[in-house]
């Protein structure tokens, strides 16, 4: 198991401009998470979150780069604000131009 309490899940497939992608903030078994926030290159994406998921649609080249999530992680023993490790998202142009 990963040592991090939170894990940001990104689909393992090629992402093209115009696609829709959903990022999911997950916790380890026997814990729960509330007040989830998502970050793009360190900037809080407030107002774009529904629960533990962030939907990006339609994808554009500027959606590329690093994302992470944070939230209050609770177990039977404690509660603390945790952040996931950063995950790189790469959106490719439909013309095959690659990253921005």
Protein backbone atom coordinates (compact mmCIF):
# COMPACT_ATOMS: atom_id res chain seq x y z
CA UNK A 1 0.00 0.00 0.00
CA UNK A 2 1.20 3.52 -0.66
CA UNK A 3 2.27 5.43 2.47
CA UNK A 4 0.11 8.44 1.51
CA UNK A 5 -3.32 8.71 3.11
CA UNK A 6 -4.74 10.30 -0.07
CA UNK A 7 -4.18 9.15 -3.63
CA UNK A 8 -5.19 11.11 -6.73
CA UNK A 9 -6.41 8.74 -9.44
CA UNK A 10 -6.08 9.74 -13.10
CA UNK A 11 -7.18 7.47 -15.97
CA UNK A 12 -4.21 5.67 -17.52
CA UNK A 13 -4.94 6.53 -21.13
CA UNK A 14 -3.98 9.14 -23.69
CA UNK A 15 -5.88 12.37 -23.05
CA UNK A 16 -6.78 14.45 -26.10
CA UNK A 17 -8.16 17.96 -26.41
CA UNK A 18 -11.96 17.81 -26.23
CA UNK A 19 -12.05 14.68 -24.03
CA UNK A 20 -13.65 14.57 -20.61
CA UNK A 21 -11.59 13.27 -17.69
CA UNK A 22 -12.52 12.71 -14.06
CA UNK A 23 -9.85 12.88 -11.35
CA UNK A 24 -10.69 11.03 -8.13
CA UNK A 25 -9.31 11.68 -4.67
CA UNK A 26 -9.25 8.38 -2.77
CA UNK A 27 -8.35 7.36 0.77
CA UNK A 28 -7.02 4.16 2.21
CA UNK A 29 -9.35 1.53 3.62
CA UNK A 30 -10.85 2.24 7.06
CA UNK A 31 -10.60 6.03 6.61
CA UNK A 32 -12.85 8.72 5.17
CA UNK A 33 -12.21 12.10 3.57
CA UNK A 34 -14.20 15.34 3.69
CA UNK A 35 -13.72 18.91 2.47
CA UNK A 36 -11.74 17.77 -0.58
CA UNK A 37 -9.80 20.39 -2.55
CA UNK A 38 -8.03 19.94 -5.88
CA UNK A 39 -4.89 21.80 -6.93
CA UNK A 40 -3.45 22.48 -10.40
CA UNK A 41 0.23 23.51 -10.24
CA UNK A 42 -0.34 24.48 -6.59
CA UNK A 43 -3.37 26.69 -7.30
CA UNK A 44 -6.58 25.81 -5.44
CA UNK A 45 -9.36 24.97 -7.91
CA UNK A 46 -12.10 26.08 -5.54
CA UNK A 47 -15.63 26.03 -6.85
CA UNK A 48 -14.95 23.18 -9.29
CA UNK A 49 -15.25 20.18 -6.98
CA UNK A 50 -18.15 17.79 -6.40
CA UNK A 51 -17.36 15.49 -3.52
CA UNK A 52 -14.16 13.56 -4.17
CA UNK A 53 -14.15 14.03 -7.97
CA UNK A 54 -13.00 16.76 -10.34
CA UNK A 55 -14.30 16.66 -13.90
CA UNK A 56 -12.37 18.50 -16.62
CA UNK A 57 -14.40 19.00 -19.79
CA UNK A 58 -13.69 19.71 -22.51
CA UNK A 59 -9.97 19.14 -22.01
CA UNK A 60 -7.65 21.83 -23.34
CA UNK A 61 -3.87 21.97 -23.53
CA UNK A 62 -3.72 24.28 -20.49
CA UNK A 63 -5.21 21.45 -18.36
CA UNK A 64 -1.81 19.69 -18.58
CA UNK A 65 0.69 19.67 -15.70
CA UNK A 66 0.58 18.54 -12.06
CA UNK A 67 -2.55 17.98 -9.97
CA UNK A 68 -3.00 16.92 -6.38
CA UNK A 69 -5.86 16.73 -3.92
CA UNK A 70 -6.18 17.51 -0.24
CA UNK A 71 -8.80 16.87 2.39
CA UNK A 72 -9.61 16.09 6.00
CA UNK A 73 -8.78 12.42 6.47
CA UNK A 74 -10.49 10.73 9.42
CA UNK A 75 -9.98 7.36 11.02
CA UNK A 76 -11.16 5.97 14.33
CA UNK A 77 -7.95 7.35 15.92
CA UNK A 78 -7.37 10.78 14.36
CA UNK A 79 -8.27 13.50 11.88
CA UNK A 80 -5.78 15.55 9.87
CA UNK A 81 -5.48 17.62 6.69
CA UNK A 82 -3.58 15.53 4.13
CA UNK A 83 -2.46 16.08 0.53
CA UNK A 84 -1.83 13.50 -2.17
CA UNK A 85 1.41 13.22 -4.09
CA UNK A 86 1.36 15.26 -7.32
CA UNK A 87 0.21 13.45 -10.47
CA UNK A 88 1.13 14.63 -13.94
CA UNK A 89 -1.68 15.03 -16.48
CA UNK A 90 -0.72 15.45 -20.15
CA UNK A 91 -3.28 16.63 -22.69
CA UNK A 92 -2.28 16.16 -26.30
CA UNK A 93 -3.48 18.09 -29.29
CA UNK A 94 -5.69 16.19 -31.73
CA UNK A 95 -3.16 17.25 -34.37
CA UNK A 96 -0.38 15.41 -32.54
CA UNK A 97 1.47 18.55 -31.44
CA UNK A 98 2.19 17.10 -27.99
CA UNK A 99 2.40 19.07 -24.77
CA UNK A 100 1.98 22.82 -24.61
